[in-house]
Amino acid sequence: MPNKYREETLDWQQNAACRGTDIEIWFSGRHFQRAKEICSGCPVKRQCLSFALTCEQNHYPYHRWGIYGGLTATQRAALTRRTTEPRRGDKREDRAA
């Protein structure tokens, strides 16, 4: 399968606050709070989150755990559900009225 993310599309990673940190921080549950602290002030947090969501949506399994964009895999899954599932009472007929 060809890599959808060519190098030039990942240029934002050069500005990531996590660049050069120990990878264990991002993938070990006991360090997640520290990872989230690093993410909180990151200038490319949105790009990182978008990257992870796109990878997860395209079934790249290695992005289904760890911290990306300040969120755990569980939080990203919940975000995806909230943005893709219709809200209760939010039917097309209701909006047209």
PDB file of N, CA and C in Angstrom:
ATOM      1  N   MET A   1       0.850  -1.185   0.000  1.00  0.00           N
ATOM      2  CA  MET A   1       0.000   0.000   0.000  1.00  0.00           C
ATOM      3  C   MET A   1       0.893   1.245   0.000  1.00  0.00           C
ATOM      4  N   PRO A   2       0.694   2.149  -0.935  1.00  0.00           N
ATOM      5  CA  PRO A   2       1.519   3.357  -0.967  1.00  0.00           C
ATOM      6  C   PRO A   2       1.228   4.247   0.239  1.00  0.00           C
ATOM      7  N   ASN A   3       2.256   4.944   0.691  1.00  0.00           N
ATOM      8  CA  ASN A   3       2.114   5.841   1.834  1.00  0.00           C
ATOM      9  C   ASN A   3       1.415   7.112   1.399  1.00  0.00           C
ATOM     10  N   LYS A   4       0.254   7.375   1.970  1.00  0.00           N
ATOM     11  CA  LYS A   4      -0.532   8.559   1.630  1.00  0.00           C
ATOM     12  C   LYS A   4       0.163   9.842   2.097  1.00  0.00           C
ATOM     13  N   TYR A   5       1.007   9.709   3.111  1.00  0.00           N
ATOM     14  CA  TYR A   5       1.653  10.874   3.711  1.00  0.00           C
ATOM     15  C   TYR A   5       3.098  10.972   3.244  1.00  0.00           C
ATOM     16  N   ARG A   6       3.298  11.690   2.171  1.00  0.00           N
ATOM     17  CA  ARG A   6       4.647  11.916   1.686  1.00  0.00           C
ATOM     18  C   ARG A   6       5.334  12.899   2.619  1.00  0.00           C
ATOM     19  N   GLU A   7       6.644  12.944   2.557  1.00  0.00           N
ATOM     20  CA  GLU A   7       7.420  13.776   3.474  1.00  0.00           C
ATOM     21  C   GLU A   7       6.958  15.225   3.531  1.00  0.00           C
ATOM     22  N   GLU A   8       6.668  15.823   2.386  1.00  0.00           N
ATOM     23  CA  GLU A   8       6.321  17.249   2.401  1.00  0.00           C
ATOM     24  C   GLU A   8       5.009  17.523   3.132  1.00  0.00           C
ATOM     25  N   THR A   9       4.140  16.529   3.264  1.00  0.00           N
ATOM     26  CA  THR A   9       2.884  16.757   3.968  1.00  0.00           C
ATOM     27  C   THR A   9       3.075  16.673   5.481  1.00  0.00           C
ATOM     28  N   LEU A  10       4.254  16.237   5.905  1.00  0.00           N
ATOM     29  CA  LEU A  10       4.521  16.108   7.338  1.00  0.00           C
ATOM     30  C   LEU A  10       5.491  17.177   7.842  1.00  0.00           C
ATOM     31  N   ASP A  11       5.674  18.222   7.071  1.00  0.00           N
ATOM     32  CA  ASP A  11       6.586  19.296   7.469  1.00  0.00           C
ATOM     33  C   ASP A  11       6.233  19.892   8.822  1.00  0.00           C
ATOM     34  N   TRP A  12       4.973  19.884   9.176  1.00  0.00           N
ATOM     35  CA  TRP A  12       4.538  20.444  10.453  1.00  0.00           C
ATOM     36  C   TRP A  12       5.243  19.763  11.624  1.00  0.00           C
ATOM     37  N   GLN A  13       5.666  18.518  11.459  1.00  0.00           N
ATOM     38  CA  GLN A  13       6.313  17.792  12.550  1.00  0.00           C
ATOM     39  C   GLN A  13       7.623  18.453  12.984  1.00  0.00           C
ATOM     40  N   GLN A  14       8.227  19.213  12.089  1.00  0.00           N
ATOM     41  CA  GLN A  14       9.475  19.910  12.429  1.00  0.00           C
ATOM     42  C   GLN A  14       9.258  20.923  13.554  1.00  0.00           C
ATOM     43  N   ASN A  15       8.031  21.417  13.698  1.00  0.00           N
ATOM     44  CA  ASN A  15       7.713  22.421  14.715  1.00  0.00           C
ATOM     45  C   ASN A  15       7.015  21.841  15.942  1.00  0.00           C
ATOM     46  N   ALA A  16       6.912  20.535  16.004  1.00  0.00           N
ATOM     47  CA  ALA A  16       6.189  19.886  17.108  1.00  0.00           C
ATOM     48  C   ALA A  16       6.951  20.010  18.420  1.00  0.00           C
ATOM     49  N   ALA A  17       6.224  20.291  19.470  1.00  0.00           N
ATOM     50  CA  ALA A  17       6.819  20.410  20.803  1.00  0.00           C
ATOM     51  C   ALA A  17       7.407  19.080  21.269  1.00  0.00           C
ATOM     52  N   CYS A  18       6.916  17.995  20.744  1.00  0.00           N
ATOM     53  CA  CYS A  18       7.378  16.666  21.162  1.00  0.00           C
ATOM     54  C   CYS A  18       8.646  16.226  20.444  1.00  0.00           C
ATOM     55  N   ARG A  19       9.047  16.955  19.453  1.00  0.00           N
ATOM     56  CA  ARG A  19      10.206  16.554  18.649  1.00  0.00           C
ATOM     57  C   ARG A  19      11.418  16.337  19.549  1.00  0.00           C
ATOM     58  N   GLY A  20      11.984  15.151  19.454  1.00  0.00           N
ATOM     59  CA  GLY A  20      13.174  14.821  20.233  1.00  0.00           C
ATOM     60  C   GLY A  20      12.898  14.252  21.612  1.00  0.00           C
ATOM     61  N   THR A  21      11.629  14.127  21.987  1.00  0.00           N
ATOM     62  CA  THR A  21      11.324  13.561  23.308  1.00  0.00           C
ATOM     63  C   THR A  21      11.336  12.033  23.241  1.00  0.00           C
ATOM     64  N   ASP A  22      11.397  11.415  24.385  1.00  0.00           N
ATOM     65  CA  ASP A  22      11.382   9.957  24.492  1.00  0.00           C
ATOM     66  C   ASP A  22      10.033   9.431  24.026  1.00  0.00           C
ATOM     67  N   ILE A  23      10.049   8.522  23.081  1.00  0.00           N
ATOM     68  CA  ILE A  23       8.810   7.989  22.501  1.00  0.00           C
ATOM     69  C   ILE A  23       7.929   7.298  23.547  1.00  0.00           C
ATOM     70  N   GLU A  24       8.525   6.806  24.610  1.00  0.00           N
ATOM     71  CA  GLU A  24       7.745   6.118  25.649  1.00  0.00           C
ATOM     72  C   GLU A  24       6.695   7.039  26.276  1.00  0.00           C
ATOM     73  N   ILE A  25       6.980   8.329  26.321  1.00  0.00           N
ATOM     74  CA  ILE A  25       6.023   9.295  26.878  1.00  0.00           C
ATOM     75  C   ILE A  25       4.694   9.229  26.136  1.00  0.00           C
ATOM     76  N   TRP A  26       4.733   9.018  24.840  1.00  0.00           N
ATOM     77  CA  TRP A  26       3.549   9.093  23.989  1.00  0.00           C
ATOM     78  C   TRP A  26       2.783   7.786  23.911  1.00  0.00           C
ATOM     79  N   PHE A  27       3.424   6.684  24.287  1.00  0.00           N
ATOM     80  CA  PHE A  27       2.789   5.384  24.109  1.00  0.00           C
ATOM     81  C   PHE A  27       2.697   4.555  25.384  1.00  0.00           C
ATOM     82  N   SER A  28       3.081   5.098  26.502  1.00  0.00           N
ATOM     83  CA  SER A  28       2.982   4.393  27.773  1.00  0.00           C
ATOM     84  C   SER A  28       1.985   5.126  28.653  1.00  0.00           C
ATOM     85  N   GLY A  29       0.915   4.439  29.023  1.00  0.00           N
ATOM     86  CA  GLY A  29      -0.155   5.055  29.798  1.00  0.00           C
ATOM     87  C   GLY A  29       0.314   5.770  31.048  1.00  0.00           C
ATOM     88  N   ARG A  30       1.370   5.302  31.655  1.00  0.00           N
ATOM     89  CA  ARG A  30       1.825   5.954  32.895  1.00  0.00           C
ATOM     90  C   ARG A  30       2.438   7.323  32.644  1.00  0.00           C
ATOM     91  N   HIS A  31       2.719   7.654  31.381  1.00  0.00           N
ATOM     92  CA  HIS A  31       3.304   8.956  31.036  1.00  0.00           C
ATOM     93  C   HIS A  31       2.329   9.864  30.293  1.00  0.00           C
ATOM     94  N   PHE A  32       1.102   9.442  30.109  1.00  0.00           N
ATOM     95  CA  PHE A  32       0.165  10.211  29.291  1.00  0.00           C
ATOM     96  C   PHE A  32      -0.050  11.627  29.797  1.00  0.00           C
ATOM     97  N   GLN A  33      -0.058  11.818  31.102  1.00  0.00           N
ATOM     98  CA  GLN A  33      -0.274  13.171  31.621  1.00  0.00           C
ATOM     99  C   GLN A  33       0.863  14.091  31.180  1.00  0.00           C
ATOM    100  N   ARG A  34       2.086  13.592  31.228  1.00  0.00           N
ATOM    101  CA  ARG A  34       3.237  14.390  30.784  1.00  0.00           C
ATOM    102  C   ARG A  34       3.126  14.682  29.290  1.00  0.00           C
ATOM    103  N   ALA A  35       2.720  13.701  28.508  1.00  0.00           N
ATOM    104  CA  ALA A  35       2.553  13.897  27.069  1.00  0.00           C
ATOM    105  C   ALA A  35       1.518  14.978  26.797  1.00  0.00           C
ATOM    106  N   LYS A  36       0.419  14.937  27.517  1.00  0.00           N
ATOM    107  CA  LYS A  36      -0.633  15.937  27.322  1.00  0.00           C
ATOM    108  C   LYS A  36      -0.152  17.335  27.697  1.00  0.00           C
ATOM    109  N   GLU A  37       0.707  17.416  28.710  1.00  0.00           N
ATOM    110  CA  GLU A  37       1.266  18.714  29.094  1.00  0.00           C
ATOM    111  C   GLU A  37       2.128  19.279  27.968  1.00  0.00           C
ATOM    112  N   ILE A  38       2.926  18.427  27.353  1.00  0.00           N
ATOM    113  CA  ILE A  38       3.760  18.864  26.235  1.00  0.00           C
ATOM    114  C   ILE A  38       2.875  19.319  25.073  1.00  0.00           C
ATOM    115  N   CYS A  39       1.834  18.551  24.795  1.00  0.00           N
ATOM    116  CA  CYS A  39       0.919  18.883  23.699  1.00  0.00           C
ATOM    117  C   CYS A  39       0.178  20.198  23.930  1.00  0.00           C
ATOM    118  N   SER A  40      -0.098  20.501  25.166  1.00  0.00           N
ATOM    119  CA  SER A  40      -0.962  21.647  25.459  1.00  0.00           C
ATOM    120  C   SER A  40      -0.447  22.949  24.863  1.00  0.00           C
ATOM    121  N   GLY A  41       0.843  23.116  24.762  1.00  0.00           N
ATOM    122  CA  GLY A  41       1.380  24.353  24.198  1.00  0.00           C
ATOM    123  C   GLY A  41       1.997  24.179  22.820  1.00  0.00           C
ATOM    124  N   CYS A  42       1.721  23.071  22.201  1.00  0.00           N
ATOM    125  CA  CYS A  42       2.343  22.772  20.907  1.00  0.00           C
ATOM    126  C   CYS A  42       1.730  23.608  19.786  1.00  0.00           C
ATOM    127  N   PRO A  43       2.570  24.225  18.952  1.00  0.00           N
ATOM    128  CA  PRO A  43       2.049  25.052  17.857  1.00  0.00           C
ATOM    129  C   PRO A  43       1.417  24.249  16.714  1.00  0.00           C
ATOM    130  N   VAL A  44       1.651  22.945  16.668  1.00  0.00           N
ATOM    131  CA  VAL A  44       1.096  22.125  15.580  1.00  0.00           C
ATOM    132  C   VAL A  44       0.139  21.049  16.121  1.00  0.00           C
ATOM    133  N   LYS A  45      -0.448  21.316  17.244  1.00  0.00           N
ATOM    134  CA  LYS A  45      -1.360  20.363  17.889  1.00  0.00           C
ATOM    135  C   LYS A  45      -2.515  19.970  16.967  1.00  0.00           C
ATOM    136  N   ARG A  46      -3.089  20.924  16.287  1.00  0.00           N
ATOM    137  CA  ARG A  46      -4.228  20.634  15.389  1.00  0.00           C
ATOM    138  C   ARG A  46      -3.816  19.748  14.219  1.00  0.00           C
ATOM    139  N   GLN A  47      -2.663  20.035  13.640  1.00  0.00           N
ATOM    140  CA  GLN A  47      -2.177  19.213  12.531  1.00  0.00           C
ATOM    141  C   GLN A  47      -1.907  17.785  12.993  1.00  0.00           C
ATOM    142  N   CYS A  48      -1.353  17.649  14.174  1.00  0.00           N
ATOM    143  CA  CYS A  48      -1.057  16.332  14.739  1.00  0.00           C
ATOM    144  C   CYS A  48      -2.344  15.536  14.952  1.00  0.00           C
ATOM    145  N   LEU A  49      -3.340  16.174  15.521  1.00  0.00           N
ATOM    146  CA  LEU A  49      -4.620  15.513  15.744  1.00  0.00           C
ATOM    147  C   LEU A  49      -5.270  15.137  14.421  1.00  0.00           C
ATOM    148  N   SER A  50      -5.247  16.039  13.473  1.00  0.00           N
ATOM    149  CA  SER A  50      -5.815  15.765  12.160  1.00  0.00           C
ATOM    150  C   SER A  50      -5.105  14.586  11.495  1.00  0.00           C
ATOM    151  N   PHE A  51      -3.793  14.544  11.610  1.00  0.00           N
ATOM    152  CA  PHE A  51      -3.001  13.444  11.062  1.00  0.00           C
ATOM    153  C   PHE A  51      -3.434  12.116  11.681  1.00  0.00           C
ATOM    154  N   ALA A  52      -3.548  12.073  12.998  1.00  0.00           N
ATOM    155  CA  ALA A  52      -3.937  10.836  13.680  1.00  0.00           C
ATOM    156  C   ALA A  52      -5.345  10.401  13.288  1.00  0.00           C
ATOM    157  N   LEU A  53      -6.276  11.339  13.242  1.00  0.00           N
ATOM    158  CA  LEU A  53      -7.655  10.998  12.878  1.00  0.00           C
ATOM    159  C   LEU A  53      -7.732  10.465  11.450  1.00  0.00           C
ATOM    160  N   THR A  54      -6.982  11.073  10.548  1.00  0.00           N
ATOM    161  CA  THR A  54      -6.960  10.611   9.166  1.00  0.00           C
ATOM    162  C   THR A  54      -6.354   9.215   9.078  1.00  0.00           C
ATOM    163  N   CYS A  55      -5.266   9.000   9.781  1.00  0.00           N
ATOM    164  CA  CYS A  55      -4.634   7.673   9.778  1.00  0.00           C
ATOM    165  C   CYS A  55      -5.580   6.623  10.341  1.00  0.00           C
ATOM    166  N   GLU A  56      -6.240   6.950  11.442  1.00  0.00           N
ATOM    167  CA  GLU A  56      -7.170   5.995  12.053  1.00  0.00           C
ATOM    168  C   GLU A  56      -8.341   5.723  11.118  1.00  0.00           C
ATOM    169  N   GLN A  57      -8.826   6.737  10.466  1.00  0.00           N
ATOM    170  CA  GLN A  57      -9.942   6.586   9.532  1.00  0.00           C
ATOM    171  C   GLN A  57      -9.532   5.709   8.352  1.00  0.00           C
ATOM    172  N   ASN A  58      -8.287   5.810   7.944  1.00  0.00           N
ATOM    173  CA  ASN A  58      -7.780   5.020   6.822  1.00  0.00           C
ATOM    174  C   ASN A  58      -7.177   3.687   7.271  1.00  0.00           C
ATOM    175  N   HIS A  59      -7.441   3.328   8.497  1.00  0.00           N
ATOM    176  CA  HIS A  59      -7.077   2.015   9.037  1.00  0.00           C
ATOM    177  C   HIS A  59      -5.578   1.762   9.117  1.00  0.00           C
ATOM    178  N   TYR A  60      -4.824   2.782   9.458  1.00  0.00           N
ATOM    179  CA  TYR A  60      -3.412   2.581   9.765  1.00  0.00           C
ATOM    180  C   TYR A  60      -3.353   2.248  11.256  1.00  0.00           C
ATOM    181  N   PRO A  61      -3.232   0.988  11.611  1.00  0.00           N
ATOM    182  CA  PRO A  61      -3.406   0.560  13.004  1.00  0.00           C
ATOM    183  C   PRO A  61      -2.402   1.125  13.991  1.00  0.00           C
ATOM    184  N   TYR A  62      -1.228   1.516  13.548  1.00  0.00           N
ATOM    185  CA  TYR A  62      -0.225   2.005  14.493  1.00  0.00           C
ATOM    186  C   TYR A  62      -0.581   3.362  15.077  1.00  0.00           C
ATOM    187  N   HIS A  63      -1.615   4.010  14.590  1.00  0.00           N
ATOM    188  CA  HIS A  63      -2.052   5.282  15.165  1.00  0.00           C
ATOM    189  C   HIS A  63      -3.241   5.100  16.101  1.00  0.00           C
ATOM    190  N   ARG A  64      -3.597   3.893  16.420  1.00  0.00           N
ATOM    191  CA  ARG A  64      -4.763   3.636  17.262  1.00  0.00           C
ATOM    192  C   ARG A  64      -4.440   3.607  18.738  1.00  0.00           C
ATOM    193  N   TRP A  65      -3.260   3.974  19.107  1.00  0.00           N
ATOM    194  CA  TRP A  65      -2.922   4.093  20.512  1.00  0.00           C
ATOM    195  C   TRP A  65      -1.925   5.235  20.651  1.00  0.00           C
ATOM    196  N   GLY A  66      -1.701   5.643  21.865  1.00  0.00           N
ATOM    197  CA  GLY A  66      -0.777   6.745  22.104  1.00  0.00           C
ATOM    198  C   GLY A  66      -1.472   8.102  22.081  1.00  0.00           C
ATOM    199  N   ILE A  67      -0.694   9.111  22.386  1.00  0.00           N
ATOM    200  CA  ILE A  67      -1.179  10.491  22.414  1.00  0.00           C
ATOM    201  C   ILE A  67      -0.840  11.169  21.091  1.00  0.00           C
ATOM    202  N   TYR A  68      -1.841  11.738  20.476  1.00  0.00           N
ATOM    203  CA  TYR A  68      -1.675  12.555  19.268  1.00  0.00           C
ATOM    204  C   TYR A  68      -2.563  13.780  19.433  1.00  0.00           C
ATOM    205  N   GLY A  69      -2.019  14.950  19.213  1.00  0.00           N
ATOM    206  CA  GLY A  69      -2.813  16.164  19.329  1.00  0.00           C
ATOM    207  C   GLY A  69      -3.393  16.366  20.715  1.00  0.00           C
ATOM    208  N   GLY A  70      -2.741  15.819  21.712  1.00  0.00           N
ATOM    209  CA  GLY A  70      -3.195  15.981  23.095  1.00  0.00           C
ATOM    210  C   GLY A  70      -4.285  15.028  23.531  1.00  0.00           C
ATOM    211  N   LEU A  71      -4.670  14.084  22.678  1.00  0.00           N
ATOM    212  CA  LEU A  71      -5.755  13.161  23.005  1.00  0.00           C
ATOM    213  C   LEU A  71      -5.289  11.711  22.975  1.00  0.00           C
ATOM    214  N   THR A  72      -5.861  10.909  23.866  1.00  0.00           N
ATOM    215  CA  THR A  72      -5.615   9.473  23.844  1.00  0.00           C
ATOM    216  C   THR A  72      -6.426   8.849  22.714  1.00  0.00           C
ATOM    217  N   ALA A  73      -6.163   7.601  22.418  1.00  0.00           N
ATOM    218  CA  ALA A  73      -6.916   6.893  21.377  1.00  0.00           C
ATOM    219  C   ALA A  73      -8.404   6.849  21.726  1.00  0.00           C
ATOM    220  N   THR A  74      -8.717   6.649  22.993  1.00  0.00           N
ATOM    221  CA  THR A  74     -10.119   6.617  23.433  1.00  0.00           C
ATOM    222  C   THR A  74     -10.778   7.967  23.218  1.00  0.00           C
ATOM    223  N   GLN A  75     -10.076   9.036  23.537  1.00  0.00           N
ATOM    224  CA  GLN A  75     -10.621  10.381  23.343  1.00  0.00           C
ATOM    225  C   GLN A  75     -10.791  10.697  21.865  1.00  0.00           C
ATOM    226  N   ARG A  76      -9.848  10.254  21.043  1.00  0.00           N
ATOM    227  CA  ARG A  76      -9.980  10.484  19.596  1.00  0.00           C
ATOM    228  C   ARG A  76     -11.164   9.710  19.030  1.00  0.00           C
ATOM    229  N   ALA A  77     -11.372   8.485  19.509  1.00  0.00           N
ATOM    230  CA  ALA A  77     -12.518   7.686  19.043  1.00  0.00           C
ATOM    231  C   ALA A  77     -13.822   8.371  19.427  1.00  0.00           C
ATOM    232  N   ALA A  78     -13.886   8.900  20.639  1.00  0.00           N
ATOM    233  CA  ALA A  78     -15.095   9.612  21.082  1.00  0.00           C
ATOM    234  C   ALA A  78     -15.315  10.865  20.244  1.00  0.00           C
ATOM    235  N   LEU A  79     -14.245  11.582  19.931  1.00  0.00           N
ATOM    236  CA  LEU A  79     -14.348  12.776  19.085  1.00  0.00           C
ATOM    237  C   LEU A  79     -14.869  12.402  17.709  1.00  0.00           C
ATOM    238  N   THR A  80     -14.371  11.332  17.163  1.00  0.00           N
ATOM    239  CA  THR A  80     -14.815  10.873  15.846  1.00  0.00           C
ATOM    240  C   THR A  80     -16.292  10.508  15.880  1.00  0.00           C
ATOM    241  N   ARG A  81     -16.712   9.802  16.923  1.00  0.00           N
ATOM    242  CA  ARG A  81     -18.135   9.445  17.044  1.00  0.00           C
ATOM    243  C   ARG A  81     -19.005  10.690  17.142  1.00  0.00           C
ATOM    244  N   ARG A  82     -18.564  11.666  17.927  1.00  0.00           N
ATOM    245  CA  ARG A  82     -19.360  12.898  18.098  1.00  0.00           C
ATOM    246  C   ARG A  82     -19.478  13.670  16.799  1.00  0.00           C
ATOM    247  N   THR A  83     -18.462  13.616  15.967  1.00  0.00           N
ATOM    248  CA  THR A  83     -18.501  14.412  14.738  1.00  0.00           C
ATOM    249  C   THR A  83     -19.081  13.657  13.553  1.00  0.00           C
ATOM    250  N   THR A  84     -19.239  12.345  13.665  1.00  0.00           N
ATOM    251  CA  THR A  84     -19.775  11.581  12.531  1.00  0.00           C
ATOM    252  C   THR A  84     -21.166  11.026  12.769  1.00  0.00           C
ATOM    253  N   GLU A  85     -21.562  10.873  14.010  1.00  0.00           N
ATOM    254  CA  GLU A  85     -22.895  10.348  14.294  1.00  0.00           C
ATOM    255  C   GLU A  85     -23.888  11.496  14.405  1.00  0.00           C
ATOM    256  N   PRO A  86     -25.072  11.318  13.845  1.00  0.00           N
ATOM    257  CA  PRO A  86     -26.083  12.373  13.991  1.00  0.00           C
ATOM    258  C   PRO A  86     -26.501  12.499  15.456  1.00  0.00           C
ATOM    259  N   ARG A  87     -26.732  13.717  15.852  1.00  0.00           N
ATOM    260  CA  ARG A  87     -27.196  13.945  17.222  1.00  0.00           C
ATOM    261  C   ARG A  87     -28.656  13.565  17.337  1.00  0.00           C
ATOM    262  N   ARG A  88     -29.039  13.182  18.518  1.00  0.00           N
ATOM    263  CA  ARG A  88     -30.422  12.814  18.778  1.00  0.00           C
ATOM    264  C   ARG A  88     -31.325  13.999  18.452  1.00  0.00           C
ATOM    265  N   GLY A  89     -32.352  13.749  17.657  1.00  0.00           N
ATOM    266  CA  GLY A  89     -33.294  14.801  17.289  1.00  0.00           C
ATOM    267  C   GLY A  89     -32.793  15.690  16.159  1.00  0.00           C
ATOM    268  N   ASP A  90     -31.660  15.350  15.571  1.00  0.00           N
ATOM    269  CA  ASP A  90     -31.081  16.175  14.514  1.00  0.00           C
ATOM    270  C   ASP A  90     -31.318  15.521  13.157  1.00  0.00           C
ATOM    271  N   LYS A  91     -32.578  15.315  12.835  1.00  0.00           N
ATOM    272  CA  LYS A  91     -32.941  14.699  11.562  1.00  0.00           C
ATOM    273  C   LYS A  91     -33.106  15.793  10.515  1.00  0.00           C
ATOM    274  N   ARG A  92     -32.981  15.419   9.276  1.00  0.00           N
ATOM    275  CA  ARG A  92     -33.131  16.393   8.194  1.00  0.00           C
ATOM    276  C   ARG A  92     -34.474  17.105   8.262  1.00  0.00           C
ATOM    277  N   GLU A  93     -35.510  16.349   8.578  1.00  0.00           N
ATOM    278  CA  GLU A  93     -36.842  16.960   8.658  1.00  0.00           C
ATOM    279  C   GLU A  93     -36.894  18.015   9.754  1.00  0.00           C
ATOM    280  N   ASP A  94     -36.193  17.742  10.892  1.00  0.00           N
ATOM    281  CA  ASP A  94     -36.179  18.688  12.001  1.00  0.00           C
ATOM    282  C   ASP A  94     -35.479  19.985  11.598  1.00  0.00           C
ATOM    283  N   ARG A  95     -34.415  19.873  10.830  1.00  0.00           N
ATOM    284  CA  ARG A  95     -33.668  21.068  10.444  1.00  0.00           C
ATOM    285  C   ARG A  95     -34.407  21.889   9.409  1.00  0.00           C
ATOM    286  N   ALA A  96     -35.215  21.226   8.589  1.00  0.00           N
ATOM    287  CA  ALA A  96     -35.937  21.938   7.533  1.00  0.00           C
ATOM    288  C   ALA A  96     -37.115  22.741   8.096  1.00  0.00           C
ATOM    289  N   ALA A  97     -37.576  22.355   9.237  1.00  0.00           N
ATOM    290  CA  ALA A  97     -38.771  23.007   9.798  1.00  0.00           C
ATOM    291  C   ALA A  97     -38.492  24.396  10.316  1.00  0.00           C
TER     292      ALA A  97
END
